[in-house]
PDB file of N, CA and C in Angstrom:
ATOM      1  N   MET A   1      -2.095 -19.655 -18.979  1.00  0.00           N
ATOM      2  CA  MET A   1      -2.691 -18.755 -18.063  1.00  0.00           C
ATOM      3  C   MET A   1      -2.126 -17.315 -18.122  1.00  0.00           C
ATOM      4  N   TYR A   2      -3.031 -16.316 -18.097  1.00  0.00           N
ATOM      5  CA  TYR A   2      -2.548 -14.793 -18.286  1.00  0.00           C
ATOM      6  C   TYR A   2      -2.455 -14.248 -16.898  1.00  0.00           C
ATOM      7  N   PHE A   3      -1.279 -13.617 -16.624  1.00  0.00           N
ATOM      8  CA  PHE A   3      -1.175 -12.845 -15.525  1.00  0.00           C
ATOM      9  C   PHE A   3      -0.847 -11.473 -15.957  1.00  0.00           C
ATOM     10  N   PRO A   4      -1.712 -10.479 -15.720  1.00  0.00           N
ATOM     11  CA  PRO A   4      -1.529  -9.102 -16.159  1.00  0.00           C
ATOM     12  C   PRO A   4      -0.285  -8.336 -15.311  1.00  0.00           C
ATOM     13  N   PHE A   5       0.192  -7.419 -15.988  1.00  0.00           N
ATOM     14  CA  PHE A   5       1.270  -6.571 -15.402  1.00  0.00           C
ATOM     15  C   PHE A   5       0.661  -5.209 -15.139  1.00  0.00           C
ATOM     16  N   PRO A   6       0.170  -5.088 -13.990  1.00  0.00           N
ATOM     17  CA  PRO A   6      -0.528  -3.793 -13.525  1.00  0.00           C
ATOM     18  C   PRO A   6       0.621  -2.794 -13.231  1.00  0.00           C
ATOM     19  N   GLU A   7       0.329  -1.572 -13.135  1.00  0.00           N
ATOM     20  CA  GLU A   7       1.171  -0.468 -12.680  1.00  0.00           C
ATOM     21  C   GLU A   7       0.727  -0.135 -11.192  1.00  0.00           C
ATOM     22  N   VAL A   8       1.689  -0.383 -10.345  1.00  0.00           N
ATOM     23  CA  VAL A   8       1.412   0.035  -8.866  1.00  0.00           C
ATOM     24  C   VAL A   8       2.214   1.060  -8.494  1.00  0.00           C
ATOM     25  N   ARG A   9       1.727   2.156  -7.943  1.00  0.00           N
ATOM     26  CA  ARG A   9       2.557   3.407  -7.541  1.00  0.00           C
ATOM     27  C   ARG A   9       2.314   3.408  -6.011  1.00  0.00           C
ATOM     28  N   CYS A  10       3.457   3.551  -5.263  1.00  0.00           N
ATOM     29  CA  CYS A  10       3.481   3.845  -3.876  1.00  0.00           C
ATOM     30  C   CYS A  10       4.171   5.101  -3.603  1.00  0.00           C
ATOM     31  N   ALA A  11       3.581   5.859  -2.874  1.00  0.00           N
ATOM     32  CA  ALA A  11       4.200   7.248  -2.468  1.00  0.00           C
ATOM     33  C   ALA A  11       4.086   7.595  -1.064  1.00  0.00           C
ATOM     34  N   LYS A  12       5.073   8.195  -0.353  1.00  0.00           N
ATOM     35  CA  LYS A  12       4.936   8.644   0.967  1.00  0.00           C
ATOM     36  C   LYS A  12       4.885  10.129   0.838  1.00  0.00           C
ATOM     37  N   PHE A  13       3.950  10.784   1.426  1.00  0.00           N
ATOM     38  CA  PHE A  13       3.816  12.229   1.382  1.00  0.00           C
ATOM     39  C   PHE A  13       4.198  12.815   2.813  1.00  0.00           C
ATOM     40  N   ALA A  14       4.561  14.040   2.787  1.00  0.00           N
ATOM     41  CA  ALA A  14       5.162  14.652   4.123  1.00  0.00           C
ATOM     42  C   ALA A  14       3.999  14.943   5.037  1.00  0.00           C
ATOM     43  N   ARG A  15       2.842  15.307   4.504  1.00  0.00           N
ATOM     44  CA  ARG A  15       1.701  15.673   5.450  1.00  0.00           C
ATOM     45  C   ARG A  15       0.349  14.958   5.090  1.00  0.00           C
ATOM     46  N   THR A  16      -0.672  15.610   5.144  1.00  0.00           N
ATOM     47  CA  THR A  16      -1.961  15.037   4.926  1.00  0.00           C
ATOM     48  C   THR A  16      -2.470  15.284   3.557  1.00  0.00           C
ATOM     49  N   THR A  17      -1.679  15.874   2.745  1.00  0.00           N
ATOM     50  CA  THR A  17      -2.098  16.043   1.184  1.00  0.00           C
ATOM     51  C   THR A  17      -0.915  15.660   0.350  1.00  0.00           C
ATOM     52  N   ARG A  18      -1.226  15.691  -0.860  1.00  0.00           N
ATOM     53  CA  ARG A  18      -0.190  15.268  -1.886  1.00  0.00           C
ATOM     54  C   ARG A  18       0.737  16.291  -2.275  1.00  0.00           C
ATOM     55  N   ALA A  19       0.846  17.281  -1.650  1.00  0.00           N
ATOM     56  CA  ALA A  19       1.591  18.465  -2.138  1.00  0.00           C
ATOM     57  C   ALA A  19       3.137  18.280  -2.160  1.00  0.00           C
ATOM     58  N   GLU A  20       3.660  17.320  -1.171  1.00  0.00           N
ATOM     59  CA  GLU A  20       5.086  17.140  -1.153  1.00  0.00           C
ATOM     60  C   GLU A  20       5.346  15.649  -0.816  1.00  0.00           C
ATOM     61  N   PHE A  21       5.966  15.086  -1.856  1.00  0.00           N
ATOM     62  CA  PHE A  21       6.271  13.651  -1.518  1.00  0.00           C
ATOM     63  C   PHE A  21       7.723  13.465  -1.017  1.00  0.00           C
ATOM     64  N   ILE A  22       7.875  12.496  -0.123  1.00  0.00           N
ATOM     65  CA  ILE A  22       9.144  12.102   0.374  1.00  0.00           C
ATOM     66  C   ILE A  22       9.901  10.921  -0.311  1.00  0.00           C
ATOM     67  N   ASP A  23       9.148   9.935  -0.615  1.00  0.00           N
ATOM     68  CA  ASP A  23       9.609   8.718  -1.285  1.00  0.00           C
ATOM     69  C   ASP A  23       8.602   8.089  -2.142  1.00  0.00           C
ATOM     70  N   ARG A  24       9.002   7.404  -3.243  1.00  0.00           N
ATOM     71  CA  ARG A  24       8.037   6.699  -4.070  1.00  0.00           C
ATOM     72  C   ARG A  24       8.700   5.507  -4.759  1.00  0.00           C
ATOM     73  N   LEU A  25       7.832   4.550  -5.083  1.00  0.00           N
ATOM     74  CA  LEU A  25       8.233   3.281  -5.816  1.00  0.00           C
ATOM     75  C   LEU A  25       7.093   3.076  -6.798  1.00  0.00           C
ATOM     76  N   ASN A  26       7.558   2.858  -8.035  1.00  0.00           N
ATOM     77  CA  ASN A  26       6.610   2.562  -9.115  1.00  0.00           C
ATOM     78  C   ASN A  26       7.002   1.112  -9.565  1.00  0.00           C
ATOM     79  N   ILE A  27       5.951   0.229  -9.690  1.00  0.00           N
ATOM     80  CA  ILE A  27       6.249  -1.219 -10.211  1.00  0.00           C
ATOM     81  C   ILE A  27       5.285  -1.331 -11.455  1.00  0.00           C
ATOM     82  N   GLU A  28       5.924  -1.772 -12.520  1.00  0.00           N
ATOM     83  CA  GLU A  28       5.231  -2.189 -13.676  1.00  0.00           C
ATOM     84  C   GLU A  28       5.622  -3.545 -14.018  1.00  0.00           C
ATOM     85  N   ASP A  29       5.224  -4.500 -13.267  1.00  0.00           N
ATOM     86  CA  ASP A  29       5.799  -5.877 -13.369  1.00  0.00           C
ATOM     87  C   ASP A  29       4.676  -6.844 -12.990  1.00  0.00           C
ATOM     88  N   ALA A  30       4.891  -8.087 -12.802  1.00  0.00           N
ATOM     89  CA  ALA A  30       3.992  -9.057 -12.369  1.00  0.00           C
ATOM     90  C   ALA A  30       3.425  -8.784 -11.174  1.00  0.00           C
ATOM     91  N   ILE A  31       1.984  -9.267 -10.924  1.00  0.00           N
ATOM     92  CA  ILE A  31       1.210  -9.081  -9.816  1.00  0.00           C
ATOM     93  C   ILE A  31       2.114  -9.512  -8.407  1.00  0.00           C
ATOM     94  N   LEU A  32       2.755 -10.731  -8.605  1.00  0.00           N
ATOM     95  CA  LEU A  32       3.434 -11.308  -7.396  1.00  0.00           C
ATOM     96  C   LEU A  32       4.428 -10.304  -7.062  1.00  0.00           C
ATOM     97  N   ARG A  33       5.203  -9.725  -7.860  1.00  0.00           N
ATOM     98  CA  ARG A  33       6.365  -8.835  -7.412  1.00  0.00           C
ATOM     99  C   ARG A  33       5.667  -7.621  -6.682  1.00  0.00           C
ATOM    100  N   ALA A  34       4.528  -7.076  -7.256  1.00  0.00           N
ATOM    101  CA  ALA A  34       3.893  -6.020  -6.557  1.00  0.00           C
ATOM    102  C   ALA A  34       3.512  -6.364  -5.175  1.00  0.00           C
ATOM    103  N   ILE A  35       2.937  -7.574  -5.015  1.00  0.00           N
ATOM    104  CA  ILE A  35       2.502  -7.992  -3.739  1.00  0.00           C
ATOM    105  C   ILE A  35       3.588  -8.352  -2.767  1.00  0.00           C
ATOM    106  N   ASP A  36       4.841  -8.435  -3.378  1.00  0.00           N
ATOM    107  CA  ASP A  36       6.047  -8.653  -2.459  1.00  0.00           C
ATOM    108  C   ASP A  36       6.701  -7.296  -2.091  1.00  0.00           C
ATOM    109  N   GLU A  37       6.842  -6.337  -3.168  1.00  0.00           N
ATOM    110  CA  GLU A  37       7.589  -5.202  -2.945  1.00  0.00           C
ATOM    111  C   GLU A  37       6.854  -4.149  -2.278  1.00  0.00           C
ATOM    112  N   ILE A  38       5.629  -3.905  -2.581  1.00  0.00           N
ATOM    113  CA  ILE A  38       4.854  -2.833  -2.095  1.00  0.00           C
ATOM    114  C   ILE A  38       4.769  -2.852  -0.527  1.00  0.00           C
ATOM    115  N   PRO A  39       4.403  -3.936   0.073  1.00  0.00           N
ATOM    116  CA  PRO A  39       4.340  -4.046   1.557  1.00  0.00           C
ATOM    117  C   PRO A  39       5.805  -3.641   2.166  1.00  0.00           C
ATOM    118  N   LYS A  40       6.905  -4.110   1.441  1.00  0.00           N
ATOM    119  CA  LYS A  40       8.263  -3.735   1.933  1.00  0.00           C
ATOM    120  C   LYS A  40       8.486  -2.302   1.956  1.00  0.00           C
ATOM    121  N   SER A  41       8.097  -1.552   0.997  1.00  0.00           N
ATOM    122  CA  SER A  41       8.035  -0.145   0.862  1.00  0.00           C
ATOM    123  C   SER A  41       7.289   0.599   1.832  1.00  0.00           C
ATOM    124  N   ILE A  42       6.135  -0.020   2.083  1.00  0.00           N
ATOM    125  CA  ILE A  42       5.294   0.713   3.097  1.00  0.00           C
ATOM    126  C   ILE A  42       5.703   0.535   4.500  1.00  0.00           C
ATOM    127  N   ARG A  43       6.271  -0.607   4.749  1.00  0.00           N
ATOM    128  CA  ARG A  43       6.904  -0.945   5.984  1.00  0.00           C
ATOM    129  C   ARG A  43       8.139  -0.062   6.249  1.00  0.00           C
ATOM    130  N   ARG A  44       8.872   0.163   5.183  1.00  0.00           N
ATOM    131  CA  ARG A  44      10.128   0.990   5.254  1.00  0.00           C
ATOM    132  C   ARG A  44       9.708   2.495   5.527  1.00  0.00           C
ATOM    133  N   ASP A  45       8.616   2.931   5.011  1.00  0.00           N
ATOM    134  CA  ASP A  45       8.264   4.293   5.051  1.00  0.00           C
ATOM    135  C   ASP A  45       7.191   4.628   6.212  1.00  0.00           C
ATOM    136  N   THR A  46       6.963   3.626   7.046  1.00  0.00           N
ATOM    137  CA  THR A  46       6.129   4.064   8.209  1.00  0.00           C
ATOM    138  C   THR A  46       6.817   3.666   9.568  1.00  0.00           C
ATOM    139  N   LYS A  47       6.198   4.004  10.601  1.00  0.00           N
ATOM    140  CA  LYS A  47       6.803   3.759  11.920  1.00  0.00           C
ATOM    141  C   LYS A  47       6.828   2.356  12.306  1.00  0.00           C
ATOM    142  N   ILE A  48       7.826   1.820  13.078  1.00  0.00           N
ATOM    143  CA  ILE A  48       7.907   0.518  13.592  1.00  0.00           C
ATOM    144  C   ILE A  48       8.310   0.674  15.037  1.00  0.00           C
ATOM    145  N   PRO A  49       7.530   1.057  15.951  1.00  0.00           N
ATOM    146  CA  PRO A  49       7.904   1.159  17.395  1.00  0.00           C
ATOM    147  C   PRO A  49       8.067  -0.180  17.984  1.00  0.00           C
ATOM    148  N   GLY A  50       8.732  -0.377  19.021  1.00  0.00           N
ATOM    149  CA  GLY A  50       8.953  -1.606  19.680  1.00  0.00           C
ATOM    150  C   GLY A  50       8.480  -1.668  21.137  1.00  0.00           C
ATOM    151  N   LYS A  51       8.247  -2.856  21.625  1.00  0.00           N
ATOM    152  CA  LYS A  51       7.895  -3.106  22.857  1.00  0.00           C
ATOM    153  C   LYS A  51       8.894  -4.070  23.518  1.00  0.00           C
ATOM    154  N   PHE A  52       9.458  -3.638  24.779  1.00  0.00           N
ATOM    155  CA  PHE A  52      10.357  -4.619  25.376  1.00  0.00           C
ATOM    156  C   PHE A  52       9.684  -5.500  26.521  1.00  0.00           C
ATOM    157  N   GLY A  53      10.139  -6.711  26.578  1.00  0.00           N
ATOM    158  CA  GLY A  53       9.659  -7.536  27.586  1.00  0.00           C
ATOM    159  C   GLY A  53      10.359  -8.855  27.487  1.00  0.00           C
ATOM    160  N   GLN A  54      10.599  -9.497  28.632  1.00  0.00           N
ATOM    161  CA  GLN A  54      11.386 -10.929  28.585  1.00  0.00           C
ATOM    162  C   GLN A  54      12.578 -10.771  27.915  1.00  0.00           C
ATOM    163  N   MET A  55      13.244  -9.654  28.038  1.00  0.00           N
ATOM    164  CA  MET A  55      14.561  -9.496  27.386  1.00  0.00           C
ATOM    165  C   MET A  55      14.592  -9.503  25.912  1.00  0.00           C
ATOM    166  N   LYS A  56      13.430  -9.282  25.194  1.00  0.00           N
ATOM    167  CA  LYS A  56      13.383  -9.258  23.770  1.00  0.00           C
ATOM    168  C   LYS A  56      12.507  -8.136  23.413  1.00  0.00           C
ATOM    169  N   ARG A  57      12.897  -7.635  22.218  1.00  0.00           N
ATOM    170  CA  ARG A  57      12.070  -6.516  21.620  1.00  0.00           C
ATOM    171  C   ARG A  57      11.069  -7.026  20.685  1.00  0.00           C
ATOM    172  N   LYS A  58       9.845  -6.606  20.680  1.00  0.00           N
ATOM    173  CA  LYS A  58       8.802  -6.990  19.647  1.00  0.00           C
ATOM    174  C   LYS A  58       8.407  -5.738  18.880  1.00  0.00           C
ATOM    175  N   ASP A  59       8.777  -5.864  17.595  1.00  0.00           N
ATOM    176  CA  ASP A  59       8.296  -4.769  16.692  1.00  0.00           C
ATOM    177  C   ASP A  59       6.744  -4.704  16.528  1.00  0.00           C
ATOM    178  N   ILE A  60       6.216  -3.448  16.564  1.00  0.00           N
ATOM    179  CA  ILE A  60       4.847  -3.268  16.389  1.00  0.00           C
ATOM    180  C   ILE A  60       4.582  -2.307  15.218  1.00  0.00           C
ATOM    181  N   PRO A  61       4.476  -2.855  13.994  1.00  0.00           N
ATOM    182  CA  PRO A  61       4.328  -1.881  12.859  1.00  0.00           C
ATOM    183  C   PRO A  61       3.135  -1.068  12.943  1.00  0.00           C
ATOM    184  N   GLU A  62       3.198   0.153  12.397  1.00  0.00           N
ATOM    185  CA  GLU A  62       2.153   1.077  12.490  1.00  0.00           C
ATOM    186  C   GLU A  62       0.939   0.518  11.746  1.00  0.00           C
ATOM    187  N   TYR A  63       1.149  -0.230  10.655  1.00  0.00           N
ATOM    188  CA  TYR A  63       0.076  -0.872   9.976  1.00  0.00           C
ATOM    189  C   TYR A  63       0.497  -2.377   9.827  1.00  0.00           C
ATOM    190  N   PRO A  64      -0.513  -3.183  10.153  1.00  0.00           N
ATOM    191  CA  PRO A  64      -0.222  -4.768  10.071  1.00  0.00           C
ATOM    192  C   PRO A  64       0.140  -5.154   8.680  1.00  0.00           C
ATOM    193  N   ILE A  65       1.250  -5.898   8.526  1.00  0.00           N
ATOM    194  CA  ILE A  65       1.670  -6.271   7.117  1.00  0.00           C
ATOM    195  C   ILE A  65       0.534  -7.179   6.526  1.00  0.00           C
ATOM    196  N   ASP A  66      -0.089  -7.989   7.390  1.00  0.00           N
ATOM    197  CA  ASP A  66      -1.085  -8.795   6.655  1.00  0.00           C
ATOM    198  C   ASP A  66      -2.240  -8.146   6.152  1.00  0.00           C
ATOM    199  N   GLY A  67      -2.658  -6.928   6.867  1.00  0.00           N
ATOM    200  CA  GLY A  67      -3.652  -6.026   6.395  1.00  0.00           C
ATOM    201  C   GLY A  67      -3.226  -5.404   5.028  1.00  0.00           C
ATOM    202  N   ILE A  68      -1.960  -4.930   5.075  1.00  0.00           N
ATOM    203  CA  ILE A  68      -1.600  -4.194   3.878  1.00  0.00           C
ATOM    204  C   ILE A  68      -1.536  -5.288   2.647  1.00  0.00           C
ATOM    205  N   ARG A  69      -1.080  -6.381   2.904  1.00  0.00           N
ATOM    206  CA  ARG A  69      -1.060  -7.473   1.792  1.00  0.00           C
ATOM    207  C   ARG A  69      -2.273  -7.664   1.370  1.00  0.00           C
ATOM    208  N   GLU A  70      -3.277  -7.923   2.248  1.00  0.00           N
ATOM    209  CA  GLU A  70      -4.782  -8.218   1.830  1.00  0.00           C
ATOM    210  C   GLU A  70      -5.379  -7.080   1.084  1.00  0.00           C
ATOM    211  N   ALA A  71      -5.180  -5.940   1.559  1.00  0.00           N
ATOM    212  CA  ALA A  71      -5.786  -4.664   0.800  1.00  0.00           C
ATOM    213  C   ALA A  71      -5.132  -4.550  -0.626  1.00  0.00           C
ATOM    214  N   LEU A  72      -3.864  -4.652  -0.697  1.00  0.00           N
ATOM    215  CA  LEU A  72      -3.186  -4.696  -1.971  1.00  0.00           C
ATOM    216  C   LEU A  72      -3.608  -5.718  -2.894  1.00  0.00           C
ATOM    217  N   THR A  73      -3.716  -7.075  -2.418  1.00  0.00           N
ATOM    218  CA  THR A  73      -4.138  -8.181  -3.315  1.00  0.00           C
ATOM    219  C   THR A  73      -5.577  -7.883  -3.667  1.00  0.00           C
ATOM    220  N   ASN A  74      -6.517  -7.467  -2.875  1.00  0.00           N
ATOM    221  CA  ASN A  74      -7.816  -7.169  -3.372  1.00  0.00           C
ATOM    222  C   ASN A  74      -7.898  -6.110  -4.403  1.00  0.00           C
ATOM    223  N   ALA A  75      -7.079  -5.033  -4.249  1.00  0.00           N
ATOM    224  CA  ALA A  75      -7.072  -3.940  -5.308  1.00  0.00           C
ATOM    225  C   ALA A  75      -6.513  -4.573  -6.499  1.00  0.00           C
ATOM    226  N   LEU A  76      -5.488  -5.483  -6.562  1.00  0.00           N
ATOM    227  CA  LEU A  76      -4.931  -6.020  -7.875  1.00  0.00           C
ATOM    228  C   LEU A  76      -5.871  -7.053  -8.480  1.00  0.00           C
ATOM    229  N   VAL A  77      -6.568  -7.837  -7.665  1.00  0.00           N
ATOM    230  CA  VAL A  77      -7.386  -8.776  -8.152  1.00  0.00           C
ATOM    231  C   VAL A  77      -8.689  -8.268  -8.867  1.00  0.00           C
ATOM    232  N   HIS A  78      -9.139  -7.193  -8.267  1.00  0.00           N
ATOM    233  CA  HIS A  78     -10.363  -6.604  -8.667  1.00  0.00           C
ATOM    234  C   HIS A  78     -10.155  -5.475  -9.691  1.00  0.00           C
ATOM    235  N   ALA A  79      -8.959  -5.289 -10.194  1.00  0.00           N
ATOM    236  CA  ALA A  79      -8.655  -4.196 -11.118  1.00  0.00           C
ATOM    237  C   ALA A  79      -9.244  -4.637 -12.491  1.00  0.00           C
ATOM    238  N   ASN A  80      -9.603  -3.605 -13.397  1.00  0.00           N
ATOM    239  CA  ASN A  80     -10.142  -3.915 -14.622  1.00  0.00           C
ATOM    240  C   ASN A  80      -8.895  -3.793 -15.523  1.00  0.00           C
ATOM    241  N   TYR A  81      -8.308  -4.801 -15.970  1.00  0.00           N
ATOM    242  CA  TYR A  81      -7.217  -4.826 -16.857  1.00  0.00           C
ATOM    243  C   TYR A  81      -7.545  -4.553 -18.337  1.00  0.00           C
ATOM    244  N   GLU A  82      -8.819  -4.511 -18.598  1.00  0.00           N
ATOM    245  CA  GLU A  82      -9.290  -4.217 -19.884  1.00  0.00           C
ATOM    246  C   GLU A  82      -9.167  -2.720 -20.196  1.00  0.00           C
ATOM    247  N   ILE A  83      -9.004  -1.897 -19.232  1.00  0.00           N
ATOM    248  CA  ILE A  83      -8.817  -0.442 -19.190  1.00  0.00           C
ATOM    249  C   ILE A  83      -7.344  -0.221 -19.355  1.00  0.00           C
ATOM    250  N   SER A  84      -6.847   0.457 -20.500  1.00  0.00           N
ATOM    251  CA  SER A  84      -5.446   0.751 -20.605  1.00  0.00           C
ATOM    252  C   SER A  84      -4.993   1.709 -19.539  1.00  0.00           C
ATOM    253  N   GLY A  85      -3.776   1.489 -18.957  1.00  0.00           N
ATOM    254  CA  GLY A  85      -3.303   2.361 -18.025  1.00  0.00           C
ATOM    255  C   GLY A  85      -3.840   2.147 -16.607  1.00  0.00           C
ATOM    256  N   THR A  86      -4.337   0.921 -16.312  1.00  0.00           N
ATOM    257  CA  THR A  86      -4.838   0.552 -14.950  1.00  0.00           C
ATOM    258  C   THR A  86      -3.734   0.768 -13.930  1.00  0.00           C
ATOM    259  N   ARG A  87      -3.976   1.513 -12.901  1.00  0.00           N
ATOM    260  CA  ARG A  87      -3.036   1.870 -11.905  1.00  0.00           C
ATOM    261  C   ARG A  87      -3.623   1.600 -10.457  1.00  0.00           C
ATOM    262  N   ILE A  88      -2.864   1.099  -9.659  1.00  0.00           N
ATOM    263  CA  ILE A  88      -3.128   0.840  -8.220  1.00  0.00           C
ATOM    264  C   ILE A  88      -2.369   1.819  -7.442  1.00  0.00           C
ATOM    265  N   PHE A  89      -2.832   2.562  -6.456  1.00  0.00           N
ATOM    266  CA  PHE A  89      -2.080   3.413  -5.526  1.00  0.00           C
ATOM    267  C   PHE A  89      -2.057   2.999  -4.162  1.00  0.00           C
ATOM    268  N   ALA A  90      -0.916   3.076  -3.596  1.00  0.00           N
ATOM    269  CA  ALA A  90      -0.640   2.870  -2.254  1.00  0.00           C
ATOM    270  C   ALA A  90      -0.052   4.228  -1.764  1.00  0.00           C
ATOM    271  N   THR A  91      -0.800   4.928  -0.999  1.00  0.00           N
ATOM    272  CA  THR A  91      -0.529   6.184  -0.601  1.00  0.00           C
ATOM    273  C   THR A  91      -0.429   6.419   0.985  1.00  0.00           C
ATOM    274  N   ILE A  92       0.859   6.782   1.342  1.00  0.00           N
ATOM    275  CA  ILE A  92       1.125   6.952   2.793  1.00  0.00           C
ATOM    276  C   ILE A  92       1.137   8.450   3.199  1.00  0.00           C
ATOM    277  N   TYR A  93       0.268   8.755   3.959  1.00  0.00           N
ATOM    278  CA  TYR A  93       0.227  10.246   4.403  1.00  0.00           C
ATOM    279  C   TYR A  93       0.863  10.146   5.972  1.00  0.00           C
ATOM    280  N   ASN A  94       0.947  11.271   6.685  1.00  0.00           N
ATOM    281  CA  ASN A  94       1.419  11.187   7.989  1.00  0.00           C
ATOM    282  C   ASN A  94       0.396  10.773   8.986  1.00  0.00           C
ATOM    283  N   ASN A  95      -0.940  10.566   8.481  1.00  0.00           N
ATOM    284  CA  ASN A  95      -2.007  10.227   9.427  1.00  0.00           C
ATOM    285  C   ASN A  95      -2.854   9.006   8.956  1.00  0.00           C
ATOM    286  N   LYS A  96      -2.405   8.415   7.701  1.00  0.00           N
ATOM    287  CA  LYS A  96      -3.216   7.353   7.269  1.00  0.00           C
ATOM    288  C   LYS A  96      -2.443   6.791   6.090  1.00  0.00           C
ATOM    289  N   LEU A  97      -2.907   5.441   5.638  1.00  0.00           N
ATOM    290  CA  LEU A  97      -2.553   4.763   4.635  1.00  0.00           C
ATOM    291  C   LEU A  97      -3.722   4.423   3.771  1.00  0.00           C
ATOM    292  N   GLU A  98      -3.591   4.656   2.403  1.00  0.00           N
ATOM    293  CA  GLU A  98      -4.723   4.272   1.601  1.00  0.00           C
ATOM    294  C   GLU A  98      -4.212   3.365   0.396  1.00  0.00           C
ATOM    295  N   ILE A  99      -4.901   2.379   0.162  1.00  0.00           N
ATOM    296  CA  ILE A  99      -4.581   1.414  -1.091  1.00  0.00           C
ATOM    297  C   ILE A  99      -5.687   1.570  -1.910  1.00  0.00           C
ATOM    298  N   GLN A 100      -5.600   2.169  -3.152  1.00  0.00           N
ATOM    299  CA  GLN A 100      -6.672   2.392  -3.908  1.00  0.00           C
ATOM    300  C   GLN A 100      -6.628   1.689  -5.368  1.00  0.00           C
ATOM    301  N   ASN A 101      -7.828   1.232  -5.865  1.00  0.00           N
ATOM    302  CA  ASN A 101      -7.961   0.897  -7.179  1.00  0.00           C
ATOM    303  C   ASN A 101      -9.159   1.793  -7.851  1.00  0.00           C
ATOM    304  N   PRO A 102      -8.609   2.917  -8.297  1.00  0.00           N
ATOM    305  CA  PRO A 102      -9.644   3.969  -8.933  1.00  0.00           C
ATOM    306  C   PRO A 102     -10.503   3.441 -10.006  1.00  0.00           C
ATOM    307  N   GLU A 103     -10.095   2.356 -10.780  1.00  0.00           N
ATOM    308  CA  GLU A 103     -11.002   1.882 -11.812  1.00  0.00           C
ATOM    309  C   GLU A 103     -12.238   1.123 -11.297  1.00  0.00           C
ATOM    310  N   HIS A 104     -12.079   0.596 -10.040  1.00  0.00           N
ATOM    311  CA  HIS A 104     -13.236  -0.191  -9.466  1.00  0.00           C
ATOM    312  C   HIS A 104     -14.283   0.821  -8.898  1.00  0.00           C
ATOM    313  N   ALA A 105     -15.573   0.531  -9.185  1.00  0.00           N
ATOM    314  CA  ALA A 105     -16.603   1.304  -8.795  1.00  0.00           C
ATOM    315  C   ALA A 105     -16.614   1.751  -7.348  1.00  0.00           C
ATOM    316  N   THR A 106     -16.132   1.051  -6.525  1.00  0.00           N
ATOM    317  CA  THR A 106     -16.162   1.393  -5.016  1.00  0.00           C
ATOM    318  C   THR A 106     -14.791   1.345  -4.457  1.00  0.00           C
ATOM    319  N   TRP A 107     -13.852   2.097  -5.008  1.00  0.00           N
ATOM    320  CA  TRP A 107     -12.473   2.096  -4.646  1.00  0.00           C
ATOM    321  C   TRP A 107     -12.282   2.394  -3.221  1.00  0.00           C
ATOM    322  N   ASN A 108     -13.292   3.173  -2.666  1.00  0.00           N
ATOM    323  CA  ASN A 108     -13.095   3.413  -1.082  1.00  0.00           C
ATOM    324  C   ASN A 108     -13.041   2.336  -0.227  1.00  0.00           C
ATOM    325  N   GLU A 109     -13.493   1.224  -0.705  1.00  0.00           N
ATOM    326  CA  GLU A 109     -13.543  -0.018   0.237  1.00  0.00           C
ATOM    327  C   GLU A 109     -12.084  -0.489   0.366  1.00  0.00           C
ATOM    328  N   TYR A 110     -11.117  -0.038  -0.521  1.00  0.00           N
ATOM    329  CA  TYR A 110      -9.790  -0.390  -0.389  1.00  0.00           C
ATOM    330  C   TYR A 110      -8.949   0.409   0.640  1.00  0.00           C
ATOM    331  N   ARG A 111      -9.519   1.201   1.320  1.00  0.00           N
ATOM    332  CA  ARG A 111      -8.751   2.092   2.332  1.00  0.00           C
ATOM    333  C   ARG A 111      -8.312   1.015   3.302  1.00  0.00           C
ATOM    334  N   ALA A 112      -7.012   0.817   3.431  1.00  0.00           N
ATOM    335  CA  ALA A 112      -6.406  -0.174   4.414  1.00  0.00           C
ATOM    336  C   ALA A 112      -6.648   0.421   5.856  1.00  0.00           C
ATOM    337  N   VAL A 113      -6.538   1.633   6.093  1.00  0.00           N
ATOM    338  CA  VAL A 113      -6.606   2.084   7.379  1.00  0.00           C
ATOM    339  C   VAL A 113      -7.262   3.539   7.368  1.00  0.00           C
ATOM    340  N   GLN A 114      -8.355   3.767   8.171  1.00  0.00           N
ATOM    341  CA  GLN A 114      -8.880   5.086   8.197  1.00  0.00           C
ATOM    342  C   GLN A 114      -7.972   5.996   9.033  1.00  0.00           C
ATOM    343  N   GLU A 115      -8.304   7.272   8.979  1.00  0.00           N
ATOM    344  CA  GLU A 115      -7.570   8.254   9.672  1.00  0.00           C
ATOM    345  C   GLU A 115      -7.652   7.841  11.228  1.00  0.00           C
ATOM    346  N   ARG A 116      -6.410   7.915  11.897  1.00  0.00           N
ATOM    347  CA  ARG A 116      -6.165   7.587  13.195  1.00  0.00           C
ATOM    348  C   ARG A 116      -6.786   8.751  14.067  1.00  0.00           C
ATOM    349  N   GLY A 117      -7.454   8.434  15.025  1.00  0.00           N
ATOM    350  CA  GLY A 117      -8.071   9.500  15.899  1.00  0.00           C
ATOM    351  C   GLY A 117      -7.371   9.793  16.937  1.00  0.00           C
TER     352      GLY A 117
END
């Protein structure tokens, strides 16, 4: 069975444009490693406020980890690995998170979260 080795780039930018990045992670390894490492990077680079009640704190991530993993998995599974240099992008701005597969005809469907209003 063949498992492709995609390139996944994750970057956190300072504002709403790609002018200045704060952090980045590039993975050129097995799909399963990307599905494991990219959500960790996104969680590290986004807010995780908490809510207190019943003497316990409950973390409420800015973006749900299951949604991130689902969008990333979809982008990886639907990538066209016949195209050399296939890249998946996870881009964190200060107002949104995007997970993109630019080689796919409708890559906009992989936006994990639209701009918060």
